[in-house]
Amino acid sequence: MSLPLDAATVLQALELELEHEPVDPDQVVDGDPTTGIAALAELDDWEVGVWEITPGTVTDVEVDEVFIVLRGHAILRRGDGTEVELHPGSVGRLEDGEETEWRVLETLRKIYIA
């Protein structure tokens, strides 16, 4: 399957204004992070969108997803304790039911396919 992620879509994803909401307090480990999300396209059973989170530390239970970091800096800790540092250009894969912790050092924005 080929996705229509051309230069215009990436530019839109970088400049798109997102309405932010506070993260559920049960998920917040540190800080006062907020998130924003916008769907860009639906392809069969897949959604392509933009997700952003402001600095802080949160826990999450993931869905199947591939993502590309557009801007920001974070450390993603997986349930097995491994950590990966995320910067612009980082590509990641999350699995359904996976428990994660996101330590966001600089507002992180990513394109996701879920």
PDB file of N, CA and C in Angstrom:
ATOM      1  N   MET A   1       0.859  -1.179   0.000  1.00  0.00           N
ATOM      2  CA  MET A   1       0.000   0.000   0.000  1.00  0.00           C
ATOM      3  C   MET A   1       0.898   1.232   0.000  1.00  0.00           C
ATOM      4  N   SER A   2       0.617   2.185  -0.862  1.00  0.00           N
ATOM      5  CA  SER A   2       1.396   3.408  -0.883  1.00  0.00           C
ATOM      6  C   SER A   2       0.566   4.544  -0.314  1.00  0.00           C
ATOM      7  N   LEU A   3       1.194   5.350   0.535  1.00  0.00           N
ATOM      8  CA  LEU A   3       0.494   6.442   1.212  1.00  0.00           C
ATOM      9  C   LEU A   3       0.785   7.771   0.529  1.00  0.00           C
ATOM     10  N   PRO A   4      -0.201   8.636   0.424  1.00  0.00           N
ATOM     11  CA  PRO A   4      -0.013   9.914  -0.266  1.00  0.00           C
ATOM     12  C   PRO A   4       0.631  10.975   0.632  1.00  0.00           C
ATOM     13  N   LEU A   5       1.835  10.698   1.134  1.00  0.00           N
ATOM     14  CA  LEU A   5       2.515  11.655   2.001  1.00  0.00           C
ATOM     15  C   LEU A   5       3.516  12.447   1.172  1.00  0.00           C
ATOM     16  N   ASP A   6       3.009  13.366   0.357  1.00  0.00           N
ATOM     17  CA  ASP A   6       3.867  14.190  -0.469  1.00  0.00           C
ATOM     18  C   ASP A   6       4.354  15.401   0.326  1.00  0.00           C
ATOM     19  N   ALA A   7       5.157  16.243  -0.305  1.00  0.00           N
ATOM     20  CA  ALA A   7       5.737  17.403   0.378  1.00  0.00           C
ATOM     21  C   ALA A   7       4.666  18.331   0.936  1.00  0.00           C
ATOM     22  N   ALA A   8       3.568  18.501   0.225  1.00  0.00           N
ATOM     23  CA  ALA A   8       2.495  19.384   0.699  1.00  0.00           C
ATOM     24  C   ALA A   8       1.872  18.849   1.983  1.00  0.00           C
ATOM     25  N   THR A   9       1.705  17.519   2.073  1.00  0.00           N
ATOM     26  CA  THR A   9       1.128  16.928   3.280  1.00  0.00           C
ATOM     27  C   THR A   9       2.066  17.110   4.461  1.00  0.00           C
ATOM     28  N   VAL A  10       3.370  16.910   4.250  1.00  0.00           N
ATOM     29  CA  VAL A  10       4.337  17.091   5.330  1.00  0.00           C
ATOM     30  C   VAL A  10       4.359  18.549   5.772  1.00  0.00           C
ATOM     31  N   LEU A  11       4.340  19.479   4.822  1.00  0.00           N
ATOM     32  CA  LEU A  11       4.314  20.899   5.166  1.00  0.00           C
ATOM     33  C   LEU A  11       3.060  21.216   5.970  1.00  0.00           C
ATOM     34  N   GLN A  12       1.916  20.695   5.536  1.00  0.00           N
ATOM     35  CA  GLN A  12       0.673  20.903   6.266  1.00  0.00           C
ATOM     36  C   GLN A  12       0.815  20.361   7.689  1.00  0.00           C
ATOM     37  N   ALA A  13       1.422  19.205   7.842  1.00  0.00           N
ATOM     38  CA  ALA A  13       1.579  18.592   9.152  1.00  0.00           C
ATOM     39  C   ALA A  13       2.461  19.442  10.059  1.00  0.00           C
ATOM     40  N   LEU A  14       3.453  20.112   9.511  1.00  0.00           N
ATOM     41  CA  LEU A  14       4.331  20.965  10.308  1.00  0.00           C
ATOM     42  C   LEU A  14       3.639  22.253  10.743  1.00  0.00           C
ATOM     43  N   GLU A  15       2.803  22.811   9.884  1.00  0.00           N
ATOM     44  CA  GLU A  15       2.203  24.114  10.142  1.00  0.00           C
ATOM     45  C   GLU A  15       0.801  24.050  10.736  1.00  0.00           C
ATOM     46  N   LEU A  16       0.193  22.888  10.730  1.00  0.00           N
ATOM     47  CA  LEU A  16      -1.176  22.727  11.184  1.00  0.00           C
ATOM     48  C   LEU A  16      -1.329  23.144  12.652  1.00  0.00           C
ATOM     49  N   GLU A  17      -2.299  24.025  12.909  1.00  0.00           N
ATOM     50  CA  GLU A  17      -2.589  24.420  14.292  1.00  0.00           C
ATOM     51  C   GLU A  17      -3.447  23.347  14.934  1.00  0.00           C
ATOM     52  N   LEU A  18      -3.029  22.895  16.090  1.00  0.00           N
ATOM     53  CA  LEU A  18      -3.752  21.850  16.807  1.00  0.00           C
ATOM     54  C   LEU A  18      -4.326  22.412  18.094  1.00  0.00           C
ATOM     55  N   GLU A  19      -5.566  22.045  18.387  1.00  0.00           N
ATOM     56  CA  GLU A  19      -6.148  22.391  19.681  1.00  0.00           C
ATOM     57  C   GLU A  19      -5.641  21.397  20.702  1.00  0.00           C
ATOM     58  N   HIS A  20      -5.080  21.910  21.768  1.00  0.00           N
ATOM     59  CA  HIS A  20      -4.509  21.049  22.807  1.00  0.00           C
ATOM     60  C   HIS A  20      -5.471  20.864  23.970  1.00  0.00           C
ATOM     61  N   GLU A  21      -5.389  19.683  24.556  1.00  0.00           N
ATOM     62  CA  GLU A  21      -6.149  19.355  25.764  1.00  0.00           C
ATOM     63  C   GLU A  21      -5.196  18.774  26.787  1.00  0.00           C
ATOM     64  N   PRO A  22      -5.473  18.958  28.071  1.00  0.00           N
ATOM     65  CA  PRO A  22      -4.616  18.356  29.102  1.00  0.00           C
ATOM     66  C   PRO A  22      -4.630  16.833  28.991  1.00  0.00           C
ATOM     67  N   VAL A  23      -3.502  16.231  29.332  1.00  0.00           N
ATOM     68  CA  VAL A  23      -3.419  14.774  29.386  1.00  0.00           C
ATOM     69  C   VAL A  23      -4.167  14.315  30.632  1.00  0.00           C
ATOM     70  N   ASP A  24      -4.834  13.171  30.541  1.00  0.00           N
ATOM     71  CA  ASP A  24      -5.541  12.577  31.676  1.00  0.00           C
ATOM     72  C   ASP A  24      -4.587  12.520  32.876  1.00  0.00           C
ATOM     73  N   PRO A  25      -4.979  13.097  34.024  1.00  0.00           N
ATOM     74  CA  PRO A  25      -4.098  13.126  35.199  1.00  0.00           C
ATOM     75  C   PRO A  25      -3.586  11.744  35.618  1.00  0.00           C
ATOM     76  N   ASP A  26      -4.348  10.679  35.341  1.00  0.00           N
ATOM     77  CA  ASP A  26      -3.896   9.326  35.684  1.00  0.00           C
ATOM     78  C   ASP A  26      -2.685   8.900  34.855  1.00  0.00           C
ATOM     79  N   GLN A  27      -2.438   9.571  33.732  1.00  0.00           N
ATOM     80  CA  GLN A  27      -1.310   9.237  32.866  1.00  0.00           C
ATOM     81  C   GLN A  27      -0.095  10.126  33.103  1.00  0.00           C
ATOM     82  N   VAL A  28      -0.263  11.237  33.819  1.00  0.00           N
ATOM     83  CA  VAL A  28       0.820  12.206  33.998  1.00  0.00           C
ATOM     84  C   VAL A  28       1.747  11.752  35.131  1.00  0.00           C
ATOM     85  N   VAL A  29       3.041  11.658  34.786  1.00  0.00           N
ATOM     86  CA  VAL A  29       4.074  11.321  35.759  1.00  0.00           C
ATOM     87  C   VAL A  29       4.741  12.595  36.259  1.00  0.00           C
ATOM     88  N   ASP A  30       4.939  13.558  35.341  1.00  0.00           N
ATOM     89  CA  ASP A  30       5.635  14.794  35.684  1.00  0.00           C
ATOM     90  C   ASP A  30       5.175  15.914  34.752  1.00  0.00           C
ATOM     91  N   GLY A  31       5.077  17.127  35.296  1.00  0.00           N
ATOM     92  CA  GLY A  31       4.742  18.287  34.484  1.00  0.00           C
ATOM     93  C   GLY A  31       3.251  18.438  34.261  1.00  0.00           C
ATOM     94  N   ASP A  32       2.919  19.247  33.269  1.00  0.00           N
ATOM     95  CA  ASP A  32       1.532  19.553  32.930  1.00  0.00           C
ATOM     96  C   ASP A  32       1.349  19.466  31.412  1.00  0.00           C
ATOM     97  N   PRO A  33       1.639  18.282  30.825  1.00  0.00           N
ATOM     98  CA  PRO A  33       1.605  18.177  29.365  1.00  0.00           C
ATOM     99  C   PRO A  33       0.200  18.246  28.782  1.00  0.00           C
ATOM    100  N   THR A  34       0.152  18.706  27.538  1.00  0.00           N
ATOM    101  CA  THR A  34      -1.088  18.720  26.766  1.00  0.00           C
ATOM    102  C   THR A  34      -0.814  18.023  25.436  1.00  0.00           C
ATOM    103  N   THR A  35      -1.897  17.546  24.796  1.00  0.00           N
ATOM    104  CA  THR A  35      -1.754  16.928  23.484  1.00  0.00           C
ATOM    105  C   THR A  35      -2.755  17.526  22.509  1.00  0.00           C
ATOM    106  N   GLY A  36      -2.378  17.465  21.231  1.00  0.00           N
ATOM    107  CA  GLY A  36      -3.266  17.862  20.143  1.00  0.00           C
ATOM    108  C   GLY A  36      -3.171  16.821  19.047  1.00  0.00           C
ATOM    109  N   ILE A  37      -4.256  16.632  18.335  1.00  0.00           N
ATOM    110  CA  ILE A  37      -4.293  15.608  17.293  1.00  0.00           C
ATOM    111  C   ILE A  37      -5.198  16.058  16.154  1.00  0.00           C
ATOM    112  N   ALA A  38      -4.834  15.648  14.932  1.00  0.00           N
ATOM    113  CA  ALA A  38      -5.680  15.920  13.767  1.00  0.00           C
ATOM    114  C   ALA A  38      -5.475  14.810  12.750  1.00  0.00           C
ATOM    115  N   ALA A  39      -6.572  14.230  12.283  1.00  0.00           N
ATOM    116  CA  ALA A  39      -6.508  13.228  11.219  1.00  0.00           C
ATOM    117  C   ALA A  39      -6.320  13.945   9.888  1.00  0.00           C
ATOM    118  N   LEU A  40      -5.425  13.424   9.041  1.00  0.00           N
ATOM    119  CA  LEU A  40      -5.188  14.005   7.722  1.00  0.00           C
ATOM    120  C   LEU A  40      -5.840  13.197   6.616  1.00  0.00           C
ATOM    121  N   ALA A  41      -5.875  11.859   6.785  1.00  0.00           N
ATOM    122  CA  ALA A  41      -6.429  10.994   5.738  1.00  0.00           C
ATOM    123  C   ALA A  41      -6.787   9.640   6.323  1.00  0.00           C
ATOM    124  N   GLU A  42      -7.735   8.973   5.663  1.00  0.00           N
ATOM    125  CA  GLU A  42      -8.071   7.590   6.004  1.00  0.00           C
ATOM    126  C   GLU A  42      -7.845   6.748   4.769  1.00  0.00           C
ATOM    127  N   LEU A  43      -7.147   5.633   4.944  1.00  0.00           N
ATOM    128  CA  LEU A  43      -6.829   4.724   3.849  1.00  0.00           C
ATOM    129  C   LEU A  43      -7.197   3.319   4.295  1.00  0.00           C
ATOM    130  N   ASP A  44      -8.274   2.793   3.737  1.00  0.00           N
ATOM    131  CA  ASP A  44      -8.796   1.495   4.164  1.00  0.00           C
ATOM    132  C   ASP A  44      -9.024   1.543   5.673  1.00  0.00           C
ATOM    133  N   ASP A  45      -8.345   0.685   6.430  1.00  0.00           N
ATOM    134  CA  ASP A  45      -8.505   0.665   7.890  1.00  0.00           C
ATOM    135  C   ASP A  45      -7.461   1.501   8.610  1.00  0.00           C
ATOM    136  N   TRP A  46      -6.652   2.260   7.886  1.00  0.00           N
ATOM    137  CA  TRP A  46      -5.563   3.039   8.468  1.00  0.00           C
ATOM    138  C   TRP A  46      -5.918   4.524   8.527  1.00  0.00           C
ATOM    139  N   GLU A  47      -5.447   5.186   9.565  1.00  0.00           N
ATOM    140  CA  GLU A  47      -5.593   6.638   9.680  1.00  0.00           C
ATOM    141  C   GLU A  47      -4.205   7.257   9.669  1.00  0.00           C
ATOM    142  N   VAL A  48      -4.056   8.336   8.916  1.00  0.00           N
ATOM    143  CA  VAL A  48      -2.821   9.113   8.890  1.00  0.00           C
ATOM    144  C   VAL A  48      -3.139  10.443   9.539  1.00  0.00           C
ATOM    145  N   GLY A  49      -2.319  10.837  10.513  1.00  0.00           N
ATOM    146  CA  GLY A  49      -2.609  12.082  11.203  1.00  0.00           C
ATOM    147  C   GLY A  49      -1.377  12.704  11.824  1.00  0.00           C
ATOM    148  N   VAL A  50      -1.622  13.787  12.538  1.00  0.00           N
ATOM    149  CA  VAL A  50      -0.585  14.528  13.248  1.00  0.00           C
ATOM    150  C   VAL A  50      -0.925  14.499  14.729  1.00  0.00           C
ATOM    151  N   TRP A  51       0.082  14.231  15.551  1.00  0.00           N
ATOM    152  CA  TRP A  51      -0.088  14.219  17.015  1.00  0.00           C
ATOM    153  C   TRP A  51       1.044  15.021  17.610  1.00  0.00           C
ATOM    154  N   GLU A  52       0.724  15.780  18.654  1.00  0.00           N
ATOM    155  CA  GLU A  52       1.717  16.630  19.305  1.00  0.00           C
ATOM    156  C   GLU A  52       1.530  16.558  20.812  1.00  0.00           C
ATOM    157  N   ILE A  53       2.651  16.623  21.546  1.00  0.00           N
ATOM    158  CA  ILE A  53       2.619  16.638  23.006  1.00  0.00           C
ATOM    159  C   ILE A  53       3.645  17.639  23.513  1.00  0.00           C
ATOM    160  N   THR A  54       3.250  18.407  24.527  1.00  0.00           N
ATOM    161  CA  THR A  54       4.131  19.407  25.121  1.00  0.00           C
ATOM    162  C   THR A  54       4.974  18.748  26.224  1.00  0.00           C
ATOM    163  N   PRO A  55       6.018  19.439  26.711  1.00  0.00           N
ATOM    164  CA  PRO A  55       6.927  18.847  27.685  1.00  0.00           C
ATOM    165  C   PRO A  55       6.229  18.326  28.953  1.00  0.00           C
ATOM    166  N   GLY A  56       6.798  17.233  29.447  1.00  0.00           N
ATOM    167  CA  GLY A  56       6.310  16.533  30.626  1.00  0.00           C
ATOM    168  C   GLY A  56       6.551  15.055  30.426  1.00  0.00           C
ATOM    169  N   THR A  57       6.099  14.262  31.369  1.00  0.00           N
ATOM    170  CA  THR A  57       6.245  12.810  31.271  1.00  0.00           C
ATOM    171  C   THR A  57       4.883  12.167  31.462  1.00  0.00           C
ATOM    172  N   VAL A  58       4.530  11.274  30.528  1.00  0.00           N
ATOM    173  CA  VAL A  58       3.227  10.601  30.562  1.00  0.00           C
ATOM    174  C   VAL A  58       3.405   9.114  30.280  1.00  0.00           C
ATOM    175  N   THR A  59       2.452   8.331  30.762  1.00  0.00           N
ATOM    176  CA  THR A  59       2.390   6.914  30.415  1.00  0.00           C
ATOM    177  C   THR A  59       1.261   6.724  29.415  1.00  0.00           C
ATOM    178  N   ASP A  60       1.330   5.623  28.648  1.00  0.00           N
ATOM    179  CA  ASP A  60       0.298   5.354  27.669  1.00  0.00           C
ATOM    180  C   ASP A  60       0.242   3.857  27.391  1.00  0.00           C
ATOM    181  N   VAL A  61      -0.883   3.419  26.872  1.00  0.00           N
ATOM    182  CA  VAL A  61      -1.035   2.072  26.327  1.00  0.00           C
ATOM    183  C   VAL A  61      -1.308   2.284  24.843  1.00  0.00           C
ATOM    184  N   GLU A  62      -0.440   1.747  24.017  1.00  0.00           N
ATOM    185  CA  GLU A  62      -0.417   2.078  22.597  1.00  0.00           C
ATOM    186  C   GLU A  62      -1.379   1.241  21.751  1.00  0.00           C
ATOM    187  N   VAL A  63      -1.581   1.716  20.530  1.00  0.00           N
ATOM    188  CA  VAL A  63      -2.263   0.975  19.466  1.00  0.00           C
ATOM    189  C   VAL A  63      -1.200   0.695  18.394  1.00  0.00           C
ATOM    190  N   ASP A  64      -1.495  -0.191  17.447  1.00  0.00           N
ATOM    191  CA  ASP A  64      -0.563  -0.431  16.343  1.00  0.00           C
ATOM    192  C   ASP A  64      -0.336   0.872  15.595  1.00  0.00           C
ATOM    193  N   GLU A  65       0.930   1.266  15.454  1.00  0.00           N
ATOM    194  CA  GLU A  65       1.242   2.557  14.843  1.00  0.00           C
ATOM    195  C   GLU A  65       2.672   2.586  14.334  1.00  0.00           C
ATOM    196  N   VAL A  66       2.856   3.282  13.226  1.00  0.00           N
ATOM    197  CA  VAL A  66       4.167   3.676  12.737  1.00  0.00           C
ATOM    198  C   VAL A  66       4.161   5.197  12.752  1.00  0.00           C
ATOM    199  N   PHE A  67       5.280   5.807  13.174  1.00  0.00           N
ATOM    200  CA  PHE A  67       5.314   7.270  13.219  1.00  0.00           C
ATOM    201  C   PHE A  67       6.659   7.805  12.754  1.00  0.00           C
ATOM    202  N   ILE A  68       6.624   9.075  12.343  1.00  0.00           N
ATOM    203  CA  ILE A  68       7.818   9.816  11.957  1.00  0.00           C
ATOM    204  C   ILE A  68       7.797  11.126  12.737  1.00  0.00           C
ATOM    205  N   VAL A  69       8.856  11.398  13.481  1.00  0.00           N
ATOM    206  CA  VAL A  69       8.943  12.634  14.258  1.00  0.00           C
ATOM    207  C   VAL A  69       9.285  13.792  13.323  1.00  0.00           C
ATOM    208  N   LEU A  70       8.468  14.843  13.379  1.00  0.00           N
ATOM    209  CA  LEU A  70       8.684  16.034  12.558  1.00  0.00           C
ATOM    210  C   LEU A  70       9.511  17.080  13.285  1.00  0.00           C
ATOM    211  N   ARG A  71       9.262  17.228  14.595  1.00  0.00           N
ATOM    212  CA  ARG A  71      10.038  18.184  15.398  1.00  0.00           C
ATOM    213  C   ARG A  71       9.922  17.801  16.858  1.00  0.00           C
ATOM    214  N   GLY A  72      10.865  18.324  17.629  1.00  0.00           N
ATOM    215  CA  GLY A  72      10.848  18.088  19.066  1.00  0.00           C
ATOM    216  C   GLY A  72      11.891  17.083  19.510  1.00  0.00           C
ATOM    217  N   HIS A  73      11.814  16.755  20.814  1.00  0.00           N
ATOM    218  CA  HIS A  73      12.797  15.856  21.426  1.00  0.00           C
ATOM    219  C   HIS A  73      12.119  15.156  22.591  1.00  0.00           C
ATOM    220  N   ALA A  74      12.216  13.828  22.600  1.00  0.00           N
ATOM    221  CA  ALA A  74      11.621  13.043  23.686  1.00  0.00           C
ATOM    222  C   ALA A  74      12.397  11.753  23.857  1.00  0.00           C
ATOM    223  N   ILE A  75      12.185  11.126  25.002  1.00  0.00           N
ATOM    224  CA  ILE A  75      12.730   9.800  25.265  1.00  0.00           C
ATOM    225  C   ILE A  75      11.544   8.878  25.497  1.00  0.00           C
ATOM    226  N   LEU A  76      11.463   7.838  24.684  1.00  0.00           N
ATOM    227  CA  LEU A  76      10.382   6.866  24.771  1.00  0.00           C
ATOM    228  C   LEU A  76      10.903   5.631  25.499  1.00  0.00           C
ATOM    229  N   ARG A  77      10.278   5.309  26.631  1.00  0.00           N
ATOM    230  CA  ARG A  77      10.646   4.112  27.383  1.00  0.00           C
ATOM    231  C   ARG A  77       9.552   3.068  27.181  1.00  0.00           C
ATOM    232  N   ARG A  78       9.968   1.895  26.771  1.00  0.00           N
ATOM    233  CA  ARG A  78       9.038   0.788  26.556  1.00  0.00           C
ATOM    234  C   ARG A  78       8.876  -0.013  27.838  1.00  0.00           C
ATOM    235  N   GLY A  79       7.845  -0.858  27.853  1.00  0.00           N
ATOM    236  CA  GLY A  79       7.543  -1.659  29.030  1.00  0.00           C
ATOM    237  C   GLY A  79       8.685  -2.544  29.485  1.00  0.00           C
ATOM    238  N   ASP A  80       9.577  -2.941  28.560  1.00  0.00           N
ATOM    239  CA  ASP A  80      10.713  -3.791  28.932  1.00  0.00           C
ATOM    240  C   ASP A  80      11.893  -2.994  29.465  1.00  0.00           C
ATOM    241  N   GLY A  81      11.728  -1.659  29.587  1.00  0.00           N
ATOM    242  CA  GLY A  81      12.773  -0.802  30.130  1.00  0.00           C
ATOM    243  C   GLY A  81      13.706  -0.204  29.099  1.00  0.00           C
ATOM    244  N   THR A  82      13.637  -0.635  27.846  1.00  0.00           N
ATOM    245  CA  THR A  82      14.502  -0.045  26.822  1.00  0.00           C
ATOM    246  C   THR A  82      14.030   1.370  26.505  1.00  0.00           C
ATOM    247  N   GLU A  83      14.986   2.215  26.160  1.00  0.00           N
ATOM    248  CA  GLU A  83      14.676   3.604  25.834  1.00  0.00           C
ATOM    249  C   GLU A  83      15.212   3.944  24.459  1.00  0.00           C
ATOM    250  N   VAL A  84      14.488   4.825  23.772  1.00  0.00           N
ATOM    251  CA  VAL A  84      14.940   5.343  22.488  1.00  0.00           C
ATOM    252  C   VAL A  84      14.748   6.851  22.504  1.00  0.00           C
ATOM    253  N   GLU A  85      15.768   7.570  22.047  1.00  0.00           N
ATOM    254  CA  GLU A  85      15.695   9.024  21.977  1.00  0.00           C
ATOM    255  C   GLU A  85      15.091   9.406  20.640  1.00  0.00           C
ATOM    256  N   LEU A  86      14.114  10.285  20.662  1.00  0.00           N
ATOM    257  CA  LEU A  86      13.395  10.696  19.460  1.00  0.00           C
ATOM    258  C   LEU A  86      13.736  12.144  19.110  1.00  0.00           C
ATOM    259  N   HIS A  87      14.086  12.350  17.849  1.00  0.00           N
ATOM    260  CA  HIS A  87      14.416  13.661  17.273  1.00  0.00           C
ATOM    261  C   HIS A  87      13.730  13.750  15.914  1.00  0.00           C
ATOM    262  N   PRO A  88      13.722  14.936  15.284  1.00  0.00           N
ATOM    263  CA  PRO A  88      13.171  15.026  13.936  1.00  0.00           C
ATOM    264  C   PRO A  88      13.822  13.994  13.014  1.00  0.00           C
ATOM    265  N   GLY A  89      12.971  13.278  12.292  1.00  0.00           N
ATOM    266  CA  GLY A  89      13.443  12.234  11.394  1.00  0.00           C
ATOM    267  C   GLY A  89      13.395  10.839  11.991  1.00  0.00           C
ATOM    268  N   SER A  90      13.237  10.727  13.311  1.00  0.00           N
ATOM    269  CA  SER A  90      13.136   9.404  13.933  1.00  0.00           C
ATOM    270  C   SER A  90      11.879   8.706  13.447  1.00  0.00           C
ATOM    271  N   VAL A  91      12.004   7.418  13.172  1.00  0.00           N
ATOM    272  CA  VAL A  91      10.879   6.587  12.761  1.00  0.00           C
ATOM    273  C   VAL A  91      10.688   5.536  13.847  1.00  0.00           C
ATOM    274  N   GLY A  92       9.439   5.322  14.258  1.00  0.00           N
ATOM    275  CA  GLY A  92       9.176   4.356  15.317  1.00  0.00           C
ATOM    276  C   GLY A  92       7.990   3.475  15.017  1.00  0.00           C
ATOM    277  N   ARG A  93       7.903   2.393  15.759  1.00  0.00           N
ATOM    278  CA  ARG A  93       6.800   1.433  15.623  1.00  0.00           C
ATOM    279  C   ARG A  93       6.309   1.114  17.025  1.00  0.00           C
ATOM    280  N   LEU A  94       5.006   1.257  17.232  1.00  0.00           N
ATOM    281  CA  LEU A  94       4.367   0.916  18.494  1.00  0.00           C
ATOM    282  C   LEU A  94       3.411  -0.236  18.252  1.00  0.00           C
ATOM    283  N   GLU A  95       3.264  -1.106  19.249  1.00  0.00           N
ATOM    284  CA  GLU A  95       2.401  -2.271  19.103  1.00  0.00           C
ATOM    285  C   GLU A  95       1.184  -2.159  20.008  1.00  0.00           C
ATOM    286  N   ASP A  96       0.069  -2.678  19.530  1.00  0.00           N
ATOM    287  CA  ASP A  96      -1.182  -2.658  20.275  1.00  0.00           C
ATOM    288  C   ASP A  96      -0.987  -3.260  21.667  1.00  0.00           C
ATOM    289  N   GLY A  97      -1.387  -2.514  22.686  1.00  0.00           N
ATOM    290  CA  GLY A  97      -1.296  -2.984  24.067  1.00  0.00           C
ATOM    291  C   GLY A  97       0.034  -2.705  24.739  1.00  0.00           C
ATOM    292  N   GLU A  98       1.015  -2.218  24.001  1.00  0.00           N
ATOM    293  CA  GLU A  98       2.338  -1.926  24.562  1.00  0.00           C
ATOM    294  C   GLU A  98       2.247  -0.770  25.555  1.00  0.00           C
ATOM    295  N   GLU A  99       2.852  -0.944  26.733  1.00  0.00           N
ATOM    296  CA  GLU A  99       2.892   0.123  27.734  1.00  0.00           C
ATOM    297  C   GLU A  99       4.147   0.943  27.536  1.00  0.00           C
ATOM    298  N   THR A 100       3.977   2.274  27.484  1.00  0.00           N
ATOM    299  CA  THR A 100       5.099   3.173  27.231  1.00  0.00           C
ATOM    300  C   THR A 100       5.098   4.334  28.213  1.00  0.00           C
ATOM    301  N   GLU A 101       6.262   4.986  28.278  1.00  0.00           N
ATOM    302  CA  GLU A 101       6.387   6.246  29.009  1.00  0.00           C
ATOM    303  C   GLU A 101       7.094   7.225  28.074  1.00  0.00           C
ATOM    304  N   TRP A 102       6.490   8.376  27.887  1.00  0.00           N
ATOM    305  CA  TRP A 102       7.024   9.430  27.020  1.00  0.00           C
ATOM    306  C   TRP A 102       7.553  10.558  27.901  1.00  0.00           C
ATOM    307  N   ARG A 103       8.882  10.771  27.895  1.00  0.00           N
ATOM    308  CA  ARG A 103       9.481  11.919  28.591  1.00  0.00           C
ATOM    309  C   ARG A 103       9.793  12.955  27.513  1.00  0.00           C
ATOM    310  N   VAL A 104       8.963  13.965  27.444  1.00  0.00           N
ATOM    311  CA  VAL A 104       9.044  14.966  26.382  1.00  0.00           C
ATOM    312  C   VAL A 104       9.853  16.155  26.890  1.00  0.00           C
ATOM    313  N   LEU A 105      10.987  16.402  26.238  1.00  0.00           N
ATOM    314  CA  LEU A 105      11.894  17.475  26.632  1.00  0.00           C
ATOM    315  C   LEU A 105      11.628  18.756  25.851  1.00  0.00           C
ATOM    316  N   GLU A 106      11.163  18.602  24.616  1.00  0.00           N
ATOM    317  CA  GLU A 106      10.799  19.727  23.740  1.00  0.00           C
ATOM    318  C   GLU A 106       9.558  19.274  22.972  1.00  0.00           C
ATOM    319  N   THR A 107       8.556  20.132  22.874  1.00  0.00           N
ATOM    320  CA  THR A 107       7.291  19.753  22.235  1.00  0.00           C
ATOM    321  C   THR A 107       7.550  18.870  21.020  1.00  0.00           C
ATOM    322  N   LEU A 108       6.931  17.694  21.040  1.00  0.00           N
ATOM    323  CA  LEU A 108       7.135  16.674  20.014  1.00  0.00           C
ATOM    324  C   LEU A 108       5.924  16.631  19.087  1.00  0.00           C
ATOM    325  N   ARG A 109       6.191  16.666  17.775  1.00  0.00           N
ATOM    326  CA  ARG A 109       5.137  16.528  16.773  1.00  0.00           C
ATOM    327  C   ARG A 109       5.529  15.387  15.846  1.00  0.00           C
ATOM    328  N   LYS A 110       4.538  14.527  15.560  1.00  0.00           N
ATOM    329  CA  LYS A 110       4.810  13.389  14.688  1.00  0.00           C
ATOM    330  C   LYS A 110       3.644  13.182  13.732  1.00  0.00           C
ATOM    331  N   ILE A 111       3.965  12.582  12.592  1.00  0.00           N
ATOM    332  CA  ILE A 111       2.951  12.023  11.702  1.00  0.00           C
ATOM    333  C   ILE A 111       2.805  10.572  12.116  1.00  0.00           C
ATOM    334  N   TYR A 112       1.577  10.119  12.249  1.00  0.00           N
ATOM    335  CA  TYR A 112       1.356   8.721  12.613  1.00  0.00           C
ATOM    336  C   TYR A 112       0.492   8.030  11.567  1.00  0.00           C
ATOM    337  N   ILE A 113       0.687   6.733  11.465  1.00  0.00           N
ATOM    338  CA  ILE A 113      -0.153   5.865  10.649  1.00  0.00           C
ATOM    339  C   ILE A 113      -0.618   4.762  11.593  1.00  0.00           C
ATOM    340  N   ALA A 114      -1.911   4.762  11.875  1.00  0.00           N
ATOM    341  CA  ALA A 114      -2.436   3.806  12.874  1.00  0.00           C
ATOM    342  C   ALA A 114      -3.713   3.162  12.379  1.00  0.00           C
TER     343      ALA A 114
END
